[in-house]
Amino acid sequence: MGIFIFQTRRLGDFFQSIPLINALASPKGGNGAKNIALLIDESIYNIKNIFNDGINFFTYESLLKLSGISAESLNEFDFFLSDFTSKYKLAVNLNYDFANSLFINLFKEQKRGFIALCKSPKNAESIHRSGAANYLFNIVKNRSLNRINIVDIYSLIGSEKPAEIKTSYNIINLKKQAKGALLRICISIGATHPKRVWQSEKYADLIKLLSENLNCEIILVGTADESSAAEEIKKNLQSGTDINLIDLTGKTSLYELIYLIKDFDLIIASDTGTLHVSQIFNVPSVS
């Protein structure tokens, strides 16, 4: 069994770890770990002979030489990162990927969200500084149980008070009581995963129900790639049906879409992108 040990702390901490390192390298060391590698500070490299034979010693400089990167360039990058990260008092990582988890630890001030991650086909773990981030990670990490409003979970990160979770499933009944006003209902038909895309027939049935029960206009939004799906939805609507339908798929930029979302009374979406924007502007949403 091979073990790689990180011990780049100051001299006092280093010496306290010597018994553990020697025990792991010893032939009597339990599991018999014979391939021991130790990453140490440059200042300690000259006293490496105090350890048992058979331990491979590395410093960051020696690793850089193996990779062809100079220590000078790394030092310059280190100064840059130190200056860059010092400008921010709070770092929040909303994604559970390895690169972000490493980078957020370079910030010296408060850290929120996911700060470490290990993934394998059988296992996935997260070390975190936010209970809300942990909840999100364990519930929807594989995107297979996405029955919660992911935006509400994100809103908890960095907050010290309980979130006021909005219940939006009953919004249609509430809006049905409105008199006179024409309700603007947005339906976002796109999704990043095929399993989240509704069939055109279902969208058509939904539009019919909304039009029959509410004094409303329906606005379809989506990318240019989703224009054909919008055409299928319109074909599935019975001809002659009195439906106020506006098809904006492929006709708006992201900036224009955000501007429109602010004035909607309700947003219906099968993916989280549009829901993120609706949360910002406090527009009721159903997913």
C-alpha atoms as a PDB file:
ATOM      1  CA  MET A   1       0.000   0.000   0.000  1.00  0.00           C
ATOM      2  CA  GLY A   2       1.277   3.491  -0.861  1.00  0.00           C
ATOM      3  CA  ILE A   3       0.739   6.541   1.343  1.00  0.00           C
ATOM      4  CA  PHE A   4       1.370  10.164   0.391  1.00  0.00           C
ATOM      5  CA  ILE A   5       1.755  12.447   3.430  1.00  0.00           C
ATOM      6  CA  PHE A   6       1.484  16.240   3.414  1.00  0.00           C
ATOM      7  CA  GLN A   7       3.611  17.818   6.159  1.00  0.00           C
ATOM      8  CA  THR A   8       4.725  21.279   5.104  1.00  0.00           C
ATOM      9  CA  ARG A   9       4.098  23.021   8.415  1.00  0.00           C
ATOM     10  CA  ARG A  10       6.667  24.751  10.607  1.00  0.00           C
ATOM     11  CA  LEU A  11       9.457  22.850  12.289  1.00  0.00           C
ATOM     12  CA  GLY A  12       7.684  22.290  15.631  1.00  0.00           C
ATOM     13  CA  ASP A  13       4.596  20.741  14.043  1.00  0.00           C
ATOM     14  CA  PHE A  14       6.826  18.730  11.762  1.00  0.00           C
ATOM     15  CA  PHE A  15       8.724  17.058  14.580  1.00  0.00           C
ATOM     16  CA  GLN A  16       5.521  16.137  16.375  1.00  0.00           C
ATOM     17  CA  SER A  17       4.520  14.080  13.328  1.00  0.00           C
ATOM     18  CA  ILE A  18       7.794  12.118  13.110  1.00  0.00           C
ATOM     19  CA  PRO A  19       6.615   9.164  15.293  1.00  0.00           C
ATOM     20  CA  LEU A  20       3.514   8.709  13.123  1.00  0.00           C
ATOM     21  CA  ILE A  21       5.499   8.849   9.882  1.00  0.00           C
ATOM     22  CA  ASN A  22       8.118   6.395  11.158  1.00  0.00           C
ATOM     23  CA  ALA A  23       5.402   4.041  12.388  1.00  0.00           C
ATOM     24  CA  LEU A  24       3.716   4.022   8.994  1.00  0.00           C
ATOM     25  CA  ALA A  25       7.024   3.313   7.281  1.00  0.00           C
ATOM     26  CA  SER A  26       8.031   0.587   9.714  1.00  0.00           C
ATOM     27  CA  PRO A  27       7.785  -3.073   8.603  1.00  0.00           C
ATOM     28  CA  LYS A  28       5.654  -3.588  11.706  1.00  0.00           C
ATOM     29  CA  GLY A  29       3.350  -0.703  10.830  1.00  0.00           C
ATOM     30  CA  GLY A  30       0.022  -2.494  10.764  1.00  0.00           C
ATOM     31  CA  ASN A  31      -0.990  -2.692   7.097  1.00  0.00           C
ATOM     32  CA  GLY A  32       2.636  -2.720   6.019  1.00  0.00           C
ATOM     33  CA  ALA A  33       2.698   0.514   4.033  1.00  0.00           C
ATOM     34  CA  LYS A  34       6.060   0.222   2.275  1.00  0.00           C
ATOM     35  CA  ASN A  35       5.646   2.984  -0.331  1.00  0.00           C
ATOM     36  CA  ILE A  36       5.792   6.196   1.708  1.00  0.00           C
ATOM     37  CA  ALA A  37       6.103   9.618   0.087  1.00  0.00           C
ATOM     38  CA  LEU A  38       6.445  12.745   2.176  1.00  0.00           C
ATOM     39  CA  LEU A  39       5.883  16.317   0.946  1.00  0.00           C
ATOM     40  CA  ILE A  40       7.933  18.641   3.145  1.00  0.00           C
ATOM     41  CA  ASP A  41       9.065  22.237   3.288  1.00  0.00           C
ATOM     42  CA  GLU A  42      12.370  23.236   1.702  1.00  0.00           C
ATOM     43  CA  SER A  43      13.802  24.214   5.111  1.00  0.00           C
ATOM     44  CA  ILE A  44      13.294  20.672   6.430  1.00  0.00           C
ATOM     45  CA  TYR A  45      14.690  18.814   3.429  1.00  0.00           C
ATOM     46  CA  ASN A  46      18.279  18.884   4.747  1.00  0.00           C
ATOM     47  CA  ILE A  47      17.352  16.930   7.891  1.00  0.00           C
ATOM     48  CA  LYS A  48      15.473  14.158   6.100  1.00  0.00           C
ATOM     49  CA  ASN A  49      18.067  11.594   7.224  1.00  0.00           C
ATOM     50  CA  ILE A  50      16.394  11.376  10.655  1.00  0.00           C
ATOM     51  CA  PHE A  51      13.737   9.186   9.059  1.00  0.00           C
ATOM     52  CA  ASN A  52      13.775   5.517   8.214  1.00  0.00           C
ATOM     53  CA  ASP A  53      15.221   4.481   4.887  1.00  0.00           C
ATOM     54  CA  GLY A  54      12.747   3.901   2.099  1.00  0.00           C
ATOM     55  CA  ILE A  55      10.798   7.161   2.408  1.00  0.00           C
ATOM     56  CA  ASN A  56      10.604   9.259  -0.742  1.00  0.00           C
ATOM     57  CA  PHE A  57      10.936  12.970   0.009  1.00  0.00           C
ATOM     58  CA  PHE A  58       9.461  15.708  -2.129  1.00  0.00           C
ATOM     59  CA  THR A  59       9.250  19.455  -1.912  1.00  0.00           C
ATOM     60  CA  TYR A  60       7.044  21.666  -4.017  1.00  0.00           C
ATOM     61  CA  GLU A  61      10.166  22.833  -5.811  1.00  0.00           C
ATOM     62  CA  SER A  62      11.222  19.291  -6.691  1.00  0.00           C
ATOM     63  CA  LEU A  63       7.726  18.504  -7.929  1.00  0.00           C
ATOM     64  CA  LEU A  64       7.806  21.645 -10.061  1.00  0.00           C
ATOM     65  CA  LYS A  65      11.099  20.546 -11.612  1.00  0.00           C
ATOM     66  CA  LEU A  66       9.540  17.210 -12.520  1.00  0.00           C
ATOM     67  CA  SER A  67       6.644  19.030 -14.190  1.00  0.00           C
ATOM     68  CA  GLY A  68       8.865  21.581 -15.940  1.00  0.00           C
ATOM     69  CA  ILE A  69       7.489  24.581 -13.987  1.00  0.00           C
ATOM     70  CA  SER A  70       9.967  26.988 -12.418  1.00  0.00           C
ATOM     71  CA  ALA A  71       9.753  28.012  -8.779  1.00  0.00           C
ATOM     72  CA  GLU A  72      10.088  31.670  -9.819  1.00  0.00           C
ATOM     73  CA  SER A  73       6.948  31.576 -11.928  1.00  0.00           C
ATOM     74  CA  LEU A  74       5.060  29.835  -9.124  1.00  0.00           C
ATOM     75  CA  ASN A  75       6.181  32.504  -6.651  1.00  0.00           C
ATOM     76  CA  GLU A  76       4.925  35.225  -8.991  1.00  0.00           C
ATOM     77  CA  PHE A  77       1.605  33.441  -9.273  1.00  0.00           C
ATOM     78  CA  ASP A  78       1.476  33.070  -5.490  1.00  0.00           C
ATOM     79  CA  PHE A  79       1.904  36.839  -5.023  1.00  0.00           C
ATOM     80  CA  PHE A  80      -0.805  37.449  -7.613  1.00  0.00           C
ATOM     81  CA  LEU A  81      -3.245  35.107  -5.857  1.00  0.00           C
ATOM     82  CA  SER A  82      -2.482  36.649  -2.470  1.00  0.00           C
ATOM     83  CA  ASP A  83      -3.228  40.131  -3.779  1.00  0.00           C
ATOM     84  CA  PHE A  84      -6.298  38.965  -5.710  1.00  0.00           C
ATOM     85  CA  THR A  85      -7.959  36.997  -2.902  1.00  0.00           C
ATOM     86  CA  SER A  86      -7.280  39.690  -0.269  1.00  0.00           C
ATOM     87  CA  LYS A  87      -9.794  41.983  -1.993  1.00  0.00           C
ATOM     88  CA  TYR A  88     -12.743  39.829  -0.896  1.00  0.00           C
ATOM     89  CA  LYS A  89     -14.125  39.324   2.599  1.00  0.00           C
ATOM     90  CA  LEU A  90     -16.372  36.394   1.683  1.00  0.00           C
ATOM     91  CA  ALA A  91     -15.927  33.565  -0.825  1.00  0.00           C
ATOM     92  CA  VAL A  92     -18.955  31.421  -1.711  1.00  0.00           C
ATOM     93  CA  ASN A  93     -18.661  28.249  -3.790  1.00  0.00           C
ATOM     94  CA  LEU A  94     -22.026  27.224  -5.253  1.00  0.00           C
ATOM     95  CA  ASN A  95     -20.652  24.268  -7.208  1.00  0.00           C
ATOM     96  CA  TYR A  96     -19.465  20.922  -5.920  1.00  0.00           C
ATOM     97  CA  ASP A  97     -16.568  20.435  -8.320  1.00  0.00           C
ATOM     98  CA  PHE A  98     -12.955  19.744  -7.406  1.00  0.00           C
ATOM     99  CA  ALA A  99     -11.296  22.808  -8.988  1.00  0.00           C
ATOM    100  CA  ASN A 100     -13.614  25.294  -7.244  1.00  0.00           C
ATOM    101  CA  SER A 101     -13.166  23.495  -3.933  1.00  0.00           C
ATOM    102  CA  LEU A 102      -9.400  23.847  -4.197  1.00  0.00           C
ATOM    103  CA  PHE A 103      -9.526  27.485  -5.281  1.00  0.00           C
ATOM    104  CA  ILE A 104     -11.883  28.636  -2.512  1.00  0.00           C
ATOM    105  CA  ASN A 105      -9.369  27.493   0.117  1.00  0.00           C
ATOM    106  CA  LEU A 106      -6.934  30.117  -1.171  1.00  0.00           C
ATOM    107  CA  PHE A 107      -9.232  32.862   0.164  1.00  0.00           C
ATOM    108  CA  LYS A 108      -8.185  33.893   3.650  1.00  0.00           C
ATOM    109  CA  GLU A 109     -11.468  35.420   4.814  1.00  0.00           C
ATOM    110  CA  GLN A 110     -14.846  33.729   5.312  1.00  0.00           C
ATOM    111  CA  LYS A 111     -15.636  30.736   3.130  1.00  0.00           C
ATOM    112  CA  ARG A 112     -19.097  29.349   2.420  1.00  0.00           C
ATOM    113  CA  GLY A 113     -20.502  26.547   0.342  1.00  0.00           C
ATOM    114  CA  PHE A 114     -18.520  23.536  -0.826  1.00  0.00           C
ATOM    115  CA  ILE A 115     -14.869  23.564   0.170  1.00  0.00           C
ATOM    116  CA  ALA A 116     -13.721  20.013  -0.638  1.00  0.00           C
ATOM    117  CA  LEU A 117     -14.915  17.095  -2.701  1.00  0.00           C
ATOM    118  CA  CYS A 118     -14.015  13.509  -3.539  1.00  0.00           C
ATOM    119  CA  LYS A 119     -15.974  11.623  -6.189  1.00  0.00           C
ATOM    120  CA  SER A 120     -15.871   8.048  -7.416  1.00  0.00           C
ATOM    121  CA  PRO A 121     -18.435   5.784  -9.119  1.00  0.00           C
ATOM    122  CA  LYS A 122     -19.307   4.319  -5.727  1.00  0.00           C
ATOM    123  CA  ASN A 123     -18.894   7.241  -3.376  1.00  0.00           C
ATOM    124  CA  ALA A 124     -19.159  11.007  -3.167  1.00  0.00           C
ATOM    125  CA  GLU A 125     -18.377  13.105  -0.117  1.00  0.00           C
ATOM    126  CA  SER A 126     -18.367  16.781   0.661  1.00  0.00           C
ATOM    127  CA  ILE A 127     -16.593  18.684   3.424  1.00  0.00           C
ATOM    128  CA  HIS A 128     -18.416  21.955   3.844  1.00  0.00           C
ATOM    129  CA  ARG A 129     -18.991  25.043   5.940  1.00  0.00           C
ATOM    130  CA  SER A 130     -22.678  25.321   5.199  1.00  0.00           C
ATOM    131  CA  GLY A 131     -25.474  23.007   6.250  1.00  0.00           C
ATOM    132  CA  ALA A 132     -27.575  24.160   3.329  1.00  0.00           C
ATOM    133  CA  ALA A 133     -24.837  23.295   0.864  1.00  0.00           C
ATOM    134  CA  ASN A 134     -24.526  19.865   2.438  1.00  0.00           C
ATOM    135  CA  TYR A 135     -28.274  19.349   2.128  1.00  0.00           C
ATOM    136  CA  LEU A 136     -28.189  20.266  -1.532  1.00  0.00           C
ATOM    137  CA  PHE A 137     -25.170  18.070  -2.216  1.00  0.00           C
ATOM    138  CA  ASN A 138     -26.679  14.968  -0.649  1.00  0.00           C
ATOM    139  CA  ILE A 139     -30.153  15.423  -2.152  1.00  0.00           C
ATOM    140  CA  VAL A 140     -29.439  16.382  -5.751  1.00  0.00           C
ATOM    141  CA  LYS A 141     -25.744  15.643  -6.298  1.00  0.00           C
ATOM    142  CA  ASN A 142     -26.608  13.242  -9.120  1.00  0.00           C
ATOM    143  CA  ARG A 143     -29.503  15.405 -10.384  1.00  0.00           C
ATOM    144  CA  SER A 144     -31.846  12.420 -10.030  1.00  0.00           C
ATOM    145  CA  LEU A 145     -33.906  13.676  -7.068  1.00  0.00           C
ATOM    146  CA  ASN A 146     -34.371  17.282  -8.134  1.00  0.00           C
ATOM    147  CA  ARG A 147     -37.799  17.757  -6.561  1.00  0.00           C
ATOM    148  CA  ILE A 148     -36.774  20.733  -4.438  1.00  0.00           C
ATOM    149  CA  ASN A 149     -36.332  24.339  -5.443  1.00  0.00           C
ATOM    150  CA  ILE A 150     -32.575  24.466  -5.916  1.00  0.00           C
ATOM    151  CA  VAL A 151     -32.674  28.268  -5.787  1.00  0.00           C
ATOM    152  CA  ASP A 152     -34.048  28.250  -2.247  1.00  0.00           C
ATOM    153  CA  ILE A 153     -31.229  25.966  -1.150  1.00  0.00           C
ATOM    154  CA  TYR A 154     -28.625  28.241  -2.742  1.00  0.00           C
ATOM    155  CA  SER A 155     -30.200  31.183  -0.944  1.00  0.00           C
ATOM    156  CA  LEU A 156     -29.331  29.572   2.389  1.00  0.00           C
ATOM    157  CA  ILE A 157     -25.592  29.588   1.715  1.00  0.00           C
ATOM    158  CA  GLY A 158     -24.049  32.390   3.725  1.00  0.00           C
ATOM    159  CA  SER A 159     -27.244  33.081   5.657  1.00  0.00           C
ATOM    160  CA  GLU A 160     -27.389  32.728   9.417  1.00  0.00           C
ATOM    161  CA  LYS A 161     -31.182  32.733   9.569  1.00  0.00           C
ATOM    162  CA  PRO A 162     -33.685  30.124   8.358  1.00  0.00           C
ATOM    163  CA  ALA A 163     -34.760  30.562   4.766  1.00  0.00           C
ATOM    164  CA  GLU A 164     -38.284  31.668   4.003  1.00  0.00           C
ATOM    165  CA  ILE A 165     -39.088  28.949   1.491  1.00  0.00           C
ATOM    166  CA  LYS A 166     -41.704  30.073  -1.021  1.00  0.00           C
ATOM    167  CA  THR A 167     -44.480  27.592  -1.816  1.00  0.00           C
ATOM    168  CA  SER A 168     -45.426  28.168  -5.424  1.00  0.00           C
ATOM    169  CA  TYR A 169     -47.494  25.103  -6.306  1.00  0.00           C
ATOM    170  CA  ASN A 170     -50.754  26.862  -5.313  1.00  0.00           C
ATOM    171  CA  ILE A 171     -50.038  30.080  -7.173  1.00  0.00           C
ATOM    172  CA  ILE A 172     -52.444  29.267 -10.022  1.00  0.00           C
ATOM    173  CA  ASN A 173     -55.398  29.061  -7.644  1.00  0.00           C
ATOM    174  CA  LEU A 174     -54.378  32.345  -6.049  1.00  0.00           C
ATOM    175  CA  LYS A 175     -54.086  34.095  -9.381  1.00  0.00           C
ATOM    176  CA  LYS A 176     -57.426  32.684 -10.513  1.00  0.00           C
ATOM    177  CA  GLN A 177     -59.120  34.951  -8.004  1.00  0.00           C
ATOM    178  CA  ALA A 178     -57.775  38.060  -9.729  1.00  0.00           C
ATOM    179  CA  LYS A 179     -60.425  40.105 -11.531  1.00  0.00           C
ATOM    180  CA  GLY A 180     -60.009  42.039 -14.724  1.00  0.00           C
ATOM    181  CA  ALA A 181     -56.237  42.036 -15.025  1.00  0.00           C
ATOM    182  CA  LEU A 182     -54.577  40.074 -17.811  1.00  0.00           C
ATOM    183  CA  LEU A 183     -52.061  37.739 -16.235  1.00  0.00           C
ATOM    184  CA  ARG A 184     -48.752  37.215 -17.983  1.00  0.00           C
ATOM    185  CA  ILE A 185     -47.609  33.596 -17.649  1.00  0.00           C
ATOM    186  CA  CYS A 186     -44.198  32.586 -18.956  1.00  0.00           C
ATOM    187  CA  ILE A 187     -43.462  28.989 -19.944  1.00  0.00           C
ATOM    188  CA  SER A 188     -39.799  28.140 -20.414  1.00  0.00           C
ATOM    189  CA  ILE A 189     -39.752  25.029 -22.591  1.00  0.00           C
ATOM    190  CA  GLY A 190     -36.015  24.290 -22.560  1.00  0.00           C
ATOM    191  CA  ALA A 191     -33.919  22.102 -20.281  1.00  0.00           C
ATOM    192  CA  THR A 192     -30.280  21.078 -20.022  1.00  0.00           C
ATOM    193  CA  HIS A 193     -31.173  17.401 -19.632  1.00  0.00           C
ATOM    194  CA  PRO A 194     -33.522  15.451 -21.945  1.00  0.00           C
ATOM    195  CA  LYS A 195     -35.295  13.879 -18.958  1.00  0.00           C
ATOM    196  CA  ARG A 196     -36.527  17.315 -17.883  1.00  0.00           C
ATOM    197  CA  VAL A 197     -38.055  18.213 -21.245  1.00  0.00           C
ATOM    198  CA  TRP A 198     -41.832  17.872 -21.375  1.00  0.00           C
ATOM    199  CA  GLN A 199     -43.577  16.440 -24.407  1.00  0.00           C
ATOM    200  CA  SER A 200     -45.206  19.004 -26.709  1.00  0.00           C
ATOM    201  CA  GLU A 201     -48.642  17.471 -26.042  1.00  0.00           C
ATOM    202  CA  LYS A 202     -48.297  18.086 -22.315  1.00  0.00           C
ATOM    203  CA  TYR A 203     -47.303  21.704 -22.832  1.00  0.00           C
ATOM    204  CA  ALA A 204     -50.316  22.157 -25.103  1.00  0.00           C
ATOM    205  CA  ASP A 205     -52.649  20.644 -22.482  1.00  0.00           C
ATOM    206  CA  LEU A 206     -51.197  22.952 -19.828  1.00  0.00           C
ATOM    207  CA  ILE A 207     -51.701  26.020 -22.020  1.00  0.00           C
ATOM    208  CA  LYS A 208     -55.313  25.026 -22.663  1.00  0.00           C
ATOM    209  CA  LEU A 209     -56.017  24.635 -18.950  1.00  0.00           C
ATOM    210  CA  LEU A 210     -54.443  27.982 -18.138  1.00  0.00           C
ATOM    211  CA  SER A 211     -56.391  29.757 -20.884  1.00  0.00           C
ATOM    212  CA  GLU A 212     -59.703  28.165 -19.896  1.00  0.00           C
ATOM    213  CA  ASN A 213     -59.400  29.063 -16.232  1.00  0.00           C
ATOM    214  CA  LEU A 214     -57.460  32.324 -16.214  1.00  0.00           C
ATOM    215  CA  ASN A 215     -57.663  35.646 -17.986  1.00  0.00           C
ATOM    216  CA  CYS A 216     -54.098  35.399 -19.231  1.00  0.00           C
ATOM    217  CA  GLU A 217     -51.606  35.500 -22.041  1.00  0.00           C
ATOM    218  CA  ILE A 218     -48.996  32.782 -22.426  1.00  0.00           C
ATOM    219  CA  ILE A 219     -45.441  33.622 -23.431  1.00  0.00           C
ATOM    220  CA  LEU A 220     -43.169  30.810 -24.624  1.00  0.00           C
ATOM    221  CA  VAL A 221     -39.452  31.431 -24.115  1.00  0.00           C
ATOM    222  CA  GLY A 222     -36.412  29.408 -25.082  1.00  0.00           C
ATOM    223  CA  THR A 223     -33.333  29.333 -27.264  1.00  0.00           C
ATOM    224  CA  ALA A 224     -33.271  29.152 -31.050  1.00  0.00           C
ATOM    225  CA  ASP A 225     -32.718  25.389 -30.773  1.00  0.00           C
ATOM    226  CA  GLU A 226     -36.069  25.112 -29.005  1.00  0.00           C
ATOM    227  CA  SER A 227     -38.065  26.947 -31.698  1.00  0.00           C
ATOM    228  CA  SER A 228     -39.048  23.654 -33.333  1.00  0.00           C
ATOM    229  CA  ALA A 229     -40.444  22.416 -30.007  1.00  0.00           C
ATOM    230  CA  ALA A 230     -42.501  25.615 -29.746  1.00  0.00           C
ATOM    231  CA  GLU A 231     -43.901  24.945 -33.228  1.00  0.00           C
ATOM    232  CA  GLU A 232     -44.922  21.450 -32.131  1.00  0.00           C
ATOM    233  CA  ILE A 233     -46.691  22.898 -29.097  1.00  0.00           C
ATOM    234  CA  LYS A 234     -48.668  25.299 -31.282  1.00  0.00           C
ATOM    235  CA  LYS A 235     -49.645  22.474 -33.654  1.00  0.00           C
ATOM    236  CA  ASN A 236     -51.051  20.523 -30.720  1.00  0.00           C
ATOM    237  CA  LEU A 237     -53.331  23.418 -29.770  1.00  0.00           C
ATOM    238  CA  GLN A 238     -56.750  23.043 -31.404  1.00  0.00           C
ATOM    239  CA  SER A 239     -57.381  25.516 -34.188  1.00  0.00           C
ATOM    240  CA  GLY A 240     -59.941  28.139 -33.343  1.00  0.00           C
ATOM    241  CA  THR A 241     -59.185  27.994 -29.619  1.00  0.00           C
ATOM    242  CA  ASP A 242     -59.138  31.449 -28.091  1.00  0.00           C
ATOM    243  CA  ILE A 243     -55.624  31.445 -26.645  1.00  0.00           C
ATOM    244  CA  ASN A 244     -53.418  34.491 -26.208  1.00  0.00           C
ATOM    245  CA  LEU A 245     -50.093  32.925 -27.116  1.00  0.00           C
ATOM    246  CA  ILE A 246     -46.836  34.749 -27.818  1.00  0.00           C
ATOM    247  CA  ASP A 247     -43.893  32.690 -29.065  1.00  0.00           C
ATOM    248  CA  LEU A 248     -40.541  34.293 -28.175  1.00  0.00           C
ATOM    249  CA  THR A 249     -38.340  31.201 -28.531  1.00  0.00           C
ATOM    250  CA  GLY A 250     -35.105  32.143 -30.224  1.00  0.00           C
ATOM    251  CA  LYS A 251     -36.112  35.806 -30.411  1.00  0.00           C
ATOM    252  CA  THR A 252     -34.590  37.240 -27.235  1.00  0.00           C
ATOM    253  CA  SER A 253     -31.098  37.605 -25.850  1.00  0.00           C
ATOM    254  CA  LEU A 254     -30.408  36.676 -22.240  1.00  0.00           C
ATOM    255  CA  TYR A 255     -30.474  40.373 -21.288  1.00  0.00           C
ATOM    256  CA  GLU A 256     -33.840  40.863 -23.010  1.00  0.00           C
ATOM    257  CA  LEU A 257     -35.245  37.749 -21.359  1.00  0.00           C
ATOM    258  CA  ILE A 258     -34.229  38.970 -17.906  1.00  0.00           C
ATOM    259  CA  TYR A 259     -35.877  42.290 -18.636  1.00  0.00           C
ATOM    260  CA  LEU A 260     -39.120  40.505 -19.601  1.00  0.00           C
ATOM    261  CA  ILE A 261     -39.107  38.126 -16.621  1.00  0.00           C
ATOM    262  CA  LYS A 262     -39.427  41.039 -14.192  1.00  0.00           C
ATOM    263  CA  ASP A 263     -42.960  41.723 -15.442  1.00  0.00           C
ATOM    264  CA  PHE A 264     -44.317  38.160 -15.490  1.00  0.00           C
ATOM    265  CA  ASP A 265     -46.950  37.083 -12.956  1.00  0.00           C
ATOM    266  CA  LEU A 266     -45.907  33.436 -13.046  1.00  0.00           C
ATOM    267  CA  ILE A 267     -43.059  31.421 -14.517  1.00  0.00           C
ATOM    268  CA  ILE A 268     -43.352  27.718 -15.319  1.00  0.00           C
ATOM    269  CA  ALA A 269     -40.074  25.944 -16.079  1.00  0.00           C
ATOM    270  CA  SER A 270     -38.672  22.423 -16.086  1.00  0.00           C
ATOM    271  CA  ASP A 271     -35.075  23.525 -15.559  1.00  0.00           C
ATOM    272  CA  THR A 272     -33.284  25.671 -12.985  1.00  0.00           C
ATOM    273  CA  GLY A 273     -31.804  28.394 -15.207  1.00  0.00           C
ATOM    274  CA  THR A 274     -34.986  30.438 -15.567  1.00  0.00           C
ATOM    275  CA  LEU A 275     -35.862  29.752 -11.929  1.00  0.00           C
ATOM    276  CA  HIS A 276     -32.619  31.371 -10.799  1.00  0.00           C
ATOM    277  CA  VAL A 277     -33.615  34.581 -12.565  1.00  0.00           C
ATOM    278  CA  SER A 278     -37.185  34.450 -11.248  1.00  0.00           C
ATOM    279  CA  GLN A 279     -35.861  34.108  -7.699  1.00  0.00           C
ATOM    280  CA  ILE A 280     -33.794  37.266  -8.090  1.00  0.00           C
ATOM    281  CA  PHE A 281     -36.867  39.293  -9.069  1.00  0.00           C
ATOM    282  CA  ASN A 282     -39.254  37.515  -6.669  1.00  0.00           C
ATOM    283  CA  VAL A 283     -41.454  36.291  -9.511  1.00  0.00           C
ATOM    284  CA  PRO A 284     -43.624  33.300  -8.462  1.00  0.00           C
ATOM    285  CA  SER A 285     -42.443  30.116 -10.149  1.00  0.00           C
ATOM    286  CA  VAL A 286     -43.504  26.509 -10.592  1.00  0.00           C
ATOM    287  CA  SER A 287     -41.032  23.788 -11.504  1.00  0.00           C
END
